[in-house]
């Protein structure tokens, strides 16, 4: 619009700069969008891993807390022990 109103070299140069800035801005937003998508994917993977690790620790704590029952001995027993 500036170029339509003013026809000087300064107006043309300013218009070119404005177009370049908007082009860079668009490229930057597209690049950032890709980065945000990648970060979101990584975050989702980490959340899945966190839940699996938590489940694993729950199973381990159950195994640790489980009371051990006395085992029946197996094998040969002499008659004097029976």
PDB file of N, CA and C in Angstrom:
ATOM      1  N   UNK A   1       0.820  -1.183   0.000  1.00  0.00           N
ATOM      2  CA  UNK A   1       0.000   0.000   0.000  1.00  0.00           C
ATOM      3  C   UNK A   1       0.871   1.257   0.000  1.00  0.00           C
ATOM      4  N   UNK A   2       1.987   1.154   0.710  1.00  0.00           N
ATOM      5  CA  UNK A   2       2.901   2.285   0.771  1.00  0.00           C
ATOM      6  C   UNK A   2       3.434   2.616  -0.615  1.00  0.00           C
ATOM      7  N   UNK A   3       3.706   1.598  -1.403  1.00  0.00           N
ATOM      8  CA  UNK A   3       4.231   1.802  -2.745  1.00  0.00           C
ATOM      9  C   UNK A   3       3.205   2.492  -3.641  1.00  0.00           C
ATOM     10  N   UNK A   4       1.938   2.203  -3.433  1.00  0.00           N
ATOM     11  CA  UNK A   4       0.893   2.834  -4.241  1.00  0.00           C
ATOM     12  C   UNK A   4       0.766   4.327  -3.939  1.00  0.00           C
ATOM     13  N   UNK A   5       1.001   4.713  -2.714  1.00  0.00           N
ATOM     14  CA  UNK A   5       0.847   6.116  -2.326  1.00  0.00           C
ATOM     15  C   UNK A   5       2.101   6.918  -2.670  1.00  0.00           C
ATOM     16  N   UNK A   6       3.249   6.398  -2.238  1.00  0.00           N
ATOM     17  CA  UNK A   6       4.516   7.092  -2.472  1.00  0.00           C
ATOM     18  C   UNK A   6       5.308   6.358  -3.544  1.00  0.00           C
ATOM     19  N   UNK A   7       5.863   7.070  -4.483  1.00  0.00           N
ATOM     20  CA  UNK A   7       6.598   6.431  -5.563  1.00  0.00           C
ATOM     21  C   UNK A   7       8.086   6.750  -5.485  1.00  0.00           C
ATOM     22  N   UNK A   8       8.609   6.963  -4.290  1.00  0.00           N
ATOM     23  CA  UNK A   8      10.031   7.283  -4.155  1.00  0.00           C
ATOM     24  C   UNK A   8      10.824   5.997  -3.939  1.00  0.00           C
ATOM     25  N   UNK A   9      12.151   6.107  -4.060  1.00  0.00           N
ATOM     26  CA  UNK A   9      13.029   4.956  -3.850  1.00  0.00           C
ATOM     27  C   UNK A   9      12.954   4.477  -2.400  1.00  0.00           C
ATOM     28  N   UNK A  10      12.772   5.400  -1.498  1.00  0.00           N
ATOM     29  CA  UNK A  10      12.667   5.038  -0.078  1.00  0.00           C
ATOM     30  C   UNK A  10      11.408   4.209   0.175  1.00  0.00           C
ATOM     31  N   UNK A  11      10.310   4.577  -0.446  1.00  0.00           N
ATOM     32  CA  UNK A  11       9.059   3.847  -0.277  1.00  0.00           C
ATOM     33  C   UNK A  11       9.175   2.441  -0.858  1.00  0.00           C
ATOM     34  N   UNK A  12       9.833   2.330  -2.027  1.00  0.00           N
ATOM     35  CA  UNK A  12      10.030   1.020  -2.646  1.00  0.00           C
ATOM     36  C   UNK A  12      10.913   0.146  -1.751  1.00  0.00           C
ATOM     37  N   UNK A  13      11.999   0.722  -1.233  1.00  0.00           N
ATOM     38  CA  UNK A  13      12.901  -0.030  -0.359  1.00  0.00           C
ATOM     39  C   UNK A  13      12.188  -0.459   0.925  1.00  0.00           C
ATOM     40  N   UNK A  14      11.379   0.423   1.492  1.00  0.00           N
ATOM     41  CA  UNK A  14      10.640   0.085   2.706  1.00  0.00           C
ATOM     42  C   UNK A  14       9.638  -1.028   2.439  1.00  0.00           C
ATOM     43  N   UNK A  15       8.985  -0.968   1.299  1.00  0.00           N
ATOM     44  CA  UNK A  15       8.015  -1.995   0.933  1.00  0.00           C
ATOM     45  C   UNK A  15       8.704  -3.348   0.764  1.00  0.00           C
ATOM     46  N   UNK A  16       9.870  -3.344   0.115  1.00  0.00           N
ATOM     47  CA  UNK A  16      10.629  -4.588  -0.069  1.00  0.00           C
ATOM     48  C   UNK A  16      11.033  -5.155   1.298  1.00  0.00           C
ATOM     49  N   UNK A  17      11.480  -4.306   2.199  1.00  0.00           N
ATOM     50  CA  UNK A  17      11.863  -4.750   3.550  1.00  0.00           C
ATOM     51  C   UNK A  17      10.664  -5.349   4.288  1.00  0.00           C
ATOM     52  N   UNK A  18       9.514  -4.711   4.141  1.00  0.00           N
ATOM     53  CA  UNK A  18       8.308  -5.224   4.807  1.00  0.00           C
ATOM     54  C   UNK A  18       7.961  -6.614   4.287  1.00  0.00           C
ATOM     55  N   UNK A  19       8.026  -6.800   2.990  1.00  0.00           N
ATOM     56  CA  UNK A  19       7.728  -8.110   2.397  1.00  0.00           C
ATOM     57  C   UNK A  19       8.736  -9.145   2.879  1.00  0.00           C
ATOM     58  N   UNK A  20      10.025  -8.781   2.931  1.00  0.00           N
ATOM     59  CA  UNK A  20      11.054  -9.702   3.416  1.00  0.00           C
ATOM     60  C   UNK A  20      10.818 -10.087   4.876  1.00  0.00           C
ATOM     61  N   UNK A  21      10.445  -9.101   5.672  1.00  0.00           N
ATOM     62  CA  UNK A  21      10.190  -9.369   7.093  1.00  0.00           C
ATOM     63  C   UNK A  21       9.016 -10.332   7.255  1.00  0.00           C
ATOM     64  N   UNK A  22       7.934 -10.109   6.513  1.00  0.00           N
ATOM     65  CA  UNK A  22       6.789 -11.009   6.612  1.00  0.00           C
ATOM     66  C   UNK A  22       7.133 -12.413   6.103  1.00  0.00           C
ATOM     67  N   UNK A  23       7.967 -12.492   5.077  1.00  0.00           N
ATOM     68  CA  UNK A  23       8.396 -13.796   4.576  1.00  0.00           C
ATOM     69  C   UNK A  23       9.208 -14.535   5.639  1.00  0.00           C
ATOM     70  N   UNK A  24      10.154 -13.840   6.274  1.00  0.00           N
ATOM     71  CA  UNK A  24      10.946 -14.450   7.343  1.00  0.00           C
ATOM     72  C   UNK A  24      10.076 -14.855   8.522  1.00  0.00           C
ATOM     73  N   UNK A  25       9.130 -14.005   8.842  1.00  0.00           N
ATOM     74  CA  UNK A  25       8.227 -14.291   9.952  1.00  0.00           C
ATOM     75  C   UNK A  25       7.418 -15.564   9.669  1.00  0.00           C
ATOM     76  N   UNK A  26       6.921 -15.688   8.453  1.00  0.00           N
ATOM     77  CA  UNK A  26       6.165 -16.884   8.079  1.00  0.00           C
ATOM     78  C   UNK A  26       7.033 -18.132   8.157  1.00  0.00           C
ATOM     79  N   UNK A  27       8.275 -18.051   7.641  1.00  0.00           N
ATOM     80  CA  UNK A  27       9.193 -19.186   7.706  1.00  0.00           C
ATOM     81  C   UNK A  27       9.496 -19.553   9.155  1.00  0.00           C
ATOM     82  N   UNK A  28       9.693 -18.546   9.974  1.00  0.00           N
ATOM     83  CA  UNK A  28       9.995 -18.779  11.397  1.00  0.00           C
ATOM     84  C   UNK A  28       8.819 -19.469  12.084  1.00  0.00           C
ATOM     85  N   UNK A  29       7.611 -19.018  11.796  1.00  0.00           N
ATOM     86  CA  UNK A  29       6.430 -19.633  12.405  1.00  0.00           C
ATOM     87  C   UNK A  29       6.272 -21.078  11.962  1.00  0.00           C
ATOM     88  N   UNK A  30       6.542 -21.357  10.691  1.00  0.00           N
ATOM     89  CA  UNK A  30       6.449 -22.734  10.211  1.00  0.00           C
ATOM     90  C   UNK A  30       7.511 -23.602  10.872  1.00  0.00           C
ATOM     91  N   UNK A  31       8.712 -23.077  11.025  1.00  0.00           N
ATOM     92  CA  UNK A  31       9.785 -23.824  11.677  1.00  0.00           C
ATOM     93  C   UNK A  31       9.427 -24.078  13.140  1.00  0.00           C
ATOM     94  N   UNK A  32       8.941 -23.053  13.816  1.00  0.00           N
ATOM     95  CA  UNK A  32       8.547 -23.203  15.213  1.00  0.00           C
ATOM     96  C   UNK A  32       7.396 -24.187  15.364  1.00  0.00           C
ATOM     97  N   UNK A  33       6.495 -24.186  14.394  1.00  0.00           N
ATOM     98  CA  UNK A  33       5.369 -25.113  14.435  1.00  0.00           C
ATOM     99  C   UNK A  33       5.878 -26.541  14.370  1.00  0.00           C
ATOM    100  N   UNK A  34       6.837 -26.803  13.491  1.00  0.00           N
ATOM    101  CA  UNK A  34       7.420 -28.139  13.396  1.00  0.00           C
ATOM    102  C   UNK A  34       8.100 -28.529  14.705  1.00  0.00           C
ATOM    103  N   UNK A  35       8.810 -27.575  15.302  1.00  0.00           N
ATOM    104  CA  UNK A  35       9.477 -27.850  16.577  1.00  0.00           C
ATOM    105  C   UNK A  35       8.460 -28.134  17.678  1.00  0.00           C
ATOM    106  N   UNK A  36       7.380 -27.377  17.695  1.00  0.00           N
ATOM    107  CA  UNK A  36       6.352 -27.601  18.706  1.00  0.00           C
ATOM    108  C   UNK A  36       5.700 -28.970  18.548  1.00  0.00           C
ATOM    109  N   UNK A  37       5.490 -29.377  17.311  1.00  0.00           N
ATOM    110  CA  UNK A  37       4.914 -30.705  17.059  1.00  0.00           C
ATOM    111  C   UNK A  37       5.869 -31.786  17.546  1.00  0.00           C
ATOM    112  N   UNK A  38       7.154 -31.639  17.246  1.00  0.00           N
ATOM    113  CA  UNK A  38       8.163 -32.604  17.699  1.00  0.00           C
ATOM    114  C   UNK A  38       8.212 -32.650  19.227  1.00  0.00           C
ATOM    115  N   UNK A  39       8.217 -31.497  19.866  1.00  0.00           N
ATOM    116  CA  UNK A  39       8.245 -31.456  21.326  1.00  0.00           C
ATOM    117  C   UNK A  39       7.011 -32.116  21.929  1.00  0.00           C
ATOM    118  N   UNK A  40       5.879 -31.912  21.312  1.00  0.00           N
ATOM    119  CA  UNK A  40       4.647 -32.530  21.786  1.00  0.00           C
ATOM    120  C   UNK A  40       4.729 -34.046  21.673  1.00  0.00           C
ATOM    121  N   UNK A  41       5.272 -34.539  20.565  1.00  0.00           N
ATOM    122  CA  UNK A  41       5.439 -35.982  20.387  1.00  0.00           C
ATOM    123  C   UNK A  41       6.374 -36.559  21.437  1.00  0.00           C
ATOM    124  N   UNK A  42       7.468 -35.875  21.691  1.00  0.00           N
ATOM    125  CA  UNK A  42       8.435 -36.338  22.694  1.00  0.00           C
ATOM    126  C   UNK A  42       7.793 -36.337  24.079  1.00  0.00           C
ATOM    127  N   UNK A  43       7.036 -35.301  24.384  1.00  0.00           N
ATOM    128  CA  UNK A  43       6.369 -35.228  25.686  1.00  0.00           C
ATOM    129  C   UNK A  43       5.381 -36.372  25.856  1.00  0.00           C
ATOM    130  N   UNK A  44       4.638 -36.694  24.800  1.00  0.00           N
ATOM    131  CA  UNK A  44       3.690 -37.813  24.871  1.00  0.00           C
ATOM    132  C   UNK A  44       4.415 -39.127  25.109  1.00  0.00           C
ATOM    133  N   UNK A  45       5.552 -39.323  24.438  1.00  0.00           N
ATOM    134  CA  UNK A  45       6.329 -40.544  24.646  1.00  0.00           C
ATOM    135  C   UNK A  45       6.830 -40.623  26.079  1.00  0.00           C
ATOM    136  N   UNK A  46       7.303 -39.517  26.606  1.00  0.00           N
ATOM    137  CA  UNK A  46       7.806 -39.512  27.981  1.00  0.00           C
ATOM    138  C   UNK A  46       6.679 -39.793  28.973  1.00  0.00           C
ATOM    139  N   UNK A  47       5.503 -39.273  28.708  1.00  0.00           N
ATOM    140  CA  UNK A  47       4.364 -39.554  29.589  1.00  0.00           C
ATOM    141  C   UNK A  47       4.034 -41.041  29.582  1.00  0.00           C
ATOM    142  N   UNK A  48       4.095 -41.661  28.410  1.00  0.00           N
ATOM    143  CA  UNK A  48       3.844 -43.103  28.327  1.00  0.00           C
ATOM    144  C   UNK A  48       4.913 -43.864  29.103  1.00  0.00           C
ATOM    145  N   UNK A  49       6.166 -43.441  28.958  1.00  0.00           N
ATOM    146  CA  UNK A  49       7.252 -44.107  29.674  1.00  0.00           C
ATOM    147  C   UNK A  49       7.092 -43.920  31.175  1.00  0.00           C
ATOM    148  N   UNK A  50       6.696 -42.730  31.591  1.00  0.00           N
ATOM    149  CA  UNK A  50       6.502 -42.472  33.018  1.00  0.00           C
ATOM    150  C   UNK A  50       5.452 -43.403  33.603  1.00  0.00           C
ATOM    151  N   UNK A  51       4.347 -43.582  32.897  1.00  0.00           N
ATOM    152  CA  UNK A  51       3.291 -44.452  33.412  1.00  0.00           C
ATOM    153  C   UNK A  51       3.758 -45.903  33.469  1.00  0.00           C
ATOM    154  N   UNK A  52       4.545 -46.322  32.477  1.00  0.00           N
ATOM    155  CA  UNK A  52       5.053 -47.697  32.488  1.00  0.00           C
ATOM    156  C   UNK A  52       6.066 -47.898  33.614  1.00  0.00           C
ATOM    157  N   UNK A  53       6.899 -46.917  33.847  1.00  0.00           N
ATOM    158  CA  UNK A  53       7.872 -47.008  34.934  1.00  0.00           C
ATOM    159  C   UNK A  53       7.156 -47.040  36.275  1.00  0.00           C
ATOM    160  N   UNK A  54       6.126 -46.242  36.429  1.00  0.00           N
ATOM    161  CA  UNK A  54       5.354 -46.230  37.672  1.00  0.00           C
ATOM    162  C   UNK A  54       4.700 -47.590  37.905  1.00  0.00           C
ATOM    163  N   UNK A  55       4.154 -48.186  36.861  1.00  0.00           N
ATOM    164  CA  UNK A  55       3.547 -49.509  36.962  1.00  0.00           C
ATOM    165  C   UNK A  55       4.592 -50.546  37.372  1.00  0.00           C
ATOM    166  N   UNK A  56       5.766 -50.458  36.796  1.00  0.00           N
ATOM    167  CA  UNK A  56       6.846 -51.380  37.126  1.00  0.00           C
ATOM    168  C   UNK A  56       7.230 -51.258  38.600  1.00  0.00           C
ATOM    169  N   UNK A  57       7.351 -50.042  39.101  1.00  0.00           N
ATOM    170  CA  UNK A  57       7.680 -49.843  40.514  1.00  0.00           C
ATOM    171  C   UNK A  57       6.569 -50.354  41.431  1.00  0.00           C
ATOM    172  N   UNK A  58       5.328 -50.220  41.004  1.00  0.00           N
ATOM    173  CA  UNK A  58       4.219 -50.769  41.792  1.00  0.00           C
ATOM    174  C   UNK A  58       4.334 -52.283  41.901  1.00  0.00           C
ATOM    175  N   UNK A  59       4.626 -52.943  40.775  1.00  0.00           N
ATOM    176  CA  UNK A  59       4.798 -54.391  40.802  1.00  0.00           C
ATOM    177  C   UNK A  59       5.983 -54.792  41.680  1.00  0.00           C
ATOM    178  N   UNK A  60       7.064 -54.054  41.577  1.00  0.00           N
ATOM    179  CA  UNK A  60       8.240 -54.364  42.392  1.00  0.00           C
ATOM    180  C   UNK A  60       7.949 -54.191  43.873  1.00  0.00           C
ATOM    181  N   UNK A  61       7.240 -53.138  44.233  1.00  0.00           N
ATOM    182  CA  UNK A  61       6.918 -52.933  45.648  1.00  0.00           C
ATOM    183  C   UNK A  61       5.999 -54.030  46.167  1.00  0.00           C
ATOM    184  N   UNK A  62       5.084 -54.514  45.331  1.00  0.00           N
ATOM    185  CA  UNK A  62       4.222 -55.625  45.743  1.00  0.00           C
ATOM    186  C   UNK A  62       5.048 -56.886  45.975  1.00  0.00           C
ATOM    187  N   UNK A  63       6.031 -57.116  45.125  1.00  0.00           N
ATOM    188  CA  UNK A  63       6.884 -58.292  45.303  1.00  0.00           C
ATOM    189  C   UNK A  63       7.722 -58.183  46.574  1.00  0.00           C
ATOM    190  N   UNK A  64       8.199 -56.997  46.874  1.00  0.00           N
ATOM    191  CA  UNK A  64       9.024 -56.795  48.060  1.00  0.00           C
ATOM    192  C   UNK A  64       8.180 -56.945  49.323  1.00  0.00           C
ATOM    193  N   UNK A  65       6.972 -56.410  49.315  1.00  0.00           N
ATOM    194  CA  UNK A  65       6.109 -56.438  50.480  1.00  0.00           C
ATOM    195  C   UNK A  65       5.470 -57.805  50.713  1.00  0.00           C
ATOM    196  N   UNK A  66       5.478 -58.649  49.716  1.00  0.00           N
ATOM    197  CA  UNK A  66       4.838 -59.954  49.819  1.00  0.00           C
ATOM    198  C   UNK A  66       5.519 -60.770  50.913  1.00  0.00           C
ATOM    199  N   UNK A  67       4.704 -61.286  51.826  1.00  0.00           N
ATOM    200  CA  UNK A  67       5.247 -62.083  52.917  1.00  0.00           C
ATOM    201  C   UNK A  67       5.663 -63.447  52.385  1.00  0.00           C
ATOM    202  N   UNK A  68       6.815 -63.854  52.840  1.00  0.00           N
ATOM    203  CA  UNK A  68       7.292 -65.158  52.413  1.00  0.00           C
ATOM    204  C   UNK A  68       6.712 -66.222  53.332  1.00  0.00           C
ATOM    205  N   UNK A  69       6.083 -67.221  52.737  1.00  0.00           N
ATOM    206  CA  UNK A  69       5.555 -68.348  53.496  1.00  0.00           C
ATOM    207  C   UNK A  69       6.688 -69.355  53.679  1.00  0.00           C
ATOM    208  N   UNK A  70       6.701 -70.047  54.807  1.00  0.00           N
ATOM    209  CA  UNK A  70       7.742 -71.066  54.974  1.00  0.00           C
ATOM    210  C   UNK A  70       7.564 -72.157  53.922  1.00  0.00           C
ATOM    211  N   UNK A  71       8.632 -72.519  53.331  1.00  0.00           N
ATOM    212  CA  UNK A  71       8.584 -73.525  52.269  1.00  0.00           C
ATOM    213  C   UNK A  71       8.708 -74.922  52.859  1.00  0.00           C
ATOM    214  N   UNK A  72       8.061 -75.839  52.211  1.00  0.00           N
ATOM    215  CA  UNK A  72       8.227 -77.241  52.566  1.00  0.00           C
ATOM    216  C   UNK A  72       9.545 -77.714  51.985  1.00  0.00           C
ATOM    217  N   UNK A  73      10.327 -78.375  52.804  1.00  0.00           N
ATOM    218  CA  UNK A  73      11.598 -78.872  52.307  1.00  0.00           C
ATOM    219  C   UNK A  73      11.346 -80.048  51.378  1.00  0.00           C
ATOM    220  N   UNK A  74      12.168 -80.080  50.369  1.00  0.00           N
ATOM    221  CA  UNK A  74      12.069 -81.200  49.436  1.00  0.00           C
ATOM    222  C   UNK A  74      13.369 -81.988  49.503  1.00  0.00           C
ATOM    223  N   UNK A  75      13.309 -83.175  49.040  1.00  0.00           N
ATOM    224  CA  UNK A  75      14.525 -83.997  49.013  1.00  0.00           C
ATOM    225  C   UNK A  75      14.439 -85.128  50.040  1.00  0.00           C
ATOM    226  N   UNK A  76      15.561 -85.766  50.258  1.00  0.00           N
ATOM    227  CA  UNK A  76      15.648 -86.912  51.149  1.00  0.00           C
ATOM    228  C   UNK A  76      15.601 -86.447  52.596  1.00  0.00           C
ATOM    229  N   UNK A  77      14.744 -87.117  53.378  1.00  0.00           N
ATOM    230  CA  UNK A  77      14.669 -86.845  54.805  1.00  0.00           C
ATOM    231  C   UNK A  77      14.973 -88.172  55.544  1.00  0.00           C
ATOM    232  N   UNK A  78      15.962 -88.140  56.378  1.00  0.00           N
ATOM    233  CA  UNK A  78      16.251 -89.367  57.154  1.00  0.00           C
ATOM    234  C   UNK A  78      15.092 -89.695  58.084  1.00  0.00           C
ATOM    235  N   UNK A  79      14.943 -90.950  58.445  1.00  0.00           N
ATOM    236  CA  UNK A  79      13.836 -91.387  59.272  1.00  0.00           C
ATOM    237  C   UNK A  79      13.871 -90.739  60.647  1.00  0.00           C
ATOM    238  N   UNK A  80      15.016 -90.397  61.131  1.00  0.00           N
ATOM    239  CA  UNK A  80      15.109 -89.813  62.471  1.00  0.00           C
ATOM    240  C   UNK A  80      14.495 -88.428  62.541  1.00  0.00           C
ATOM    241  N   UNK A  81      14.423 -87.692  61.430  1.00  0.00           N
ATOM    242  CA  UNK A  81      13.860 -86.341  61.420  1.00  0.00           C
ATOM    243  C   UNK A  81      12.350 -86.351  61.279  1.00  0.00           C
ATOM    244  N   UNK A  82      11.782 -87.434  60.789  1.00  0.00           N
ATOM    245  CA  UNK A  82      10.342 -87.465  60.533  1.00  0.00           C
ATOM    246  C   UNK A  82       9.529 -87.611  61.737  1.00  0.00           C
TER     247      UNK A  82
END
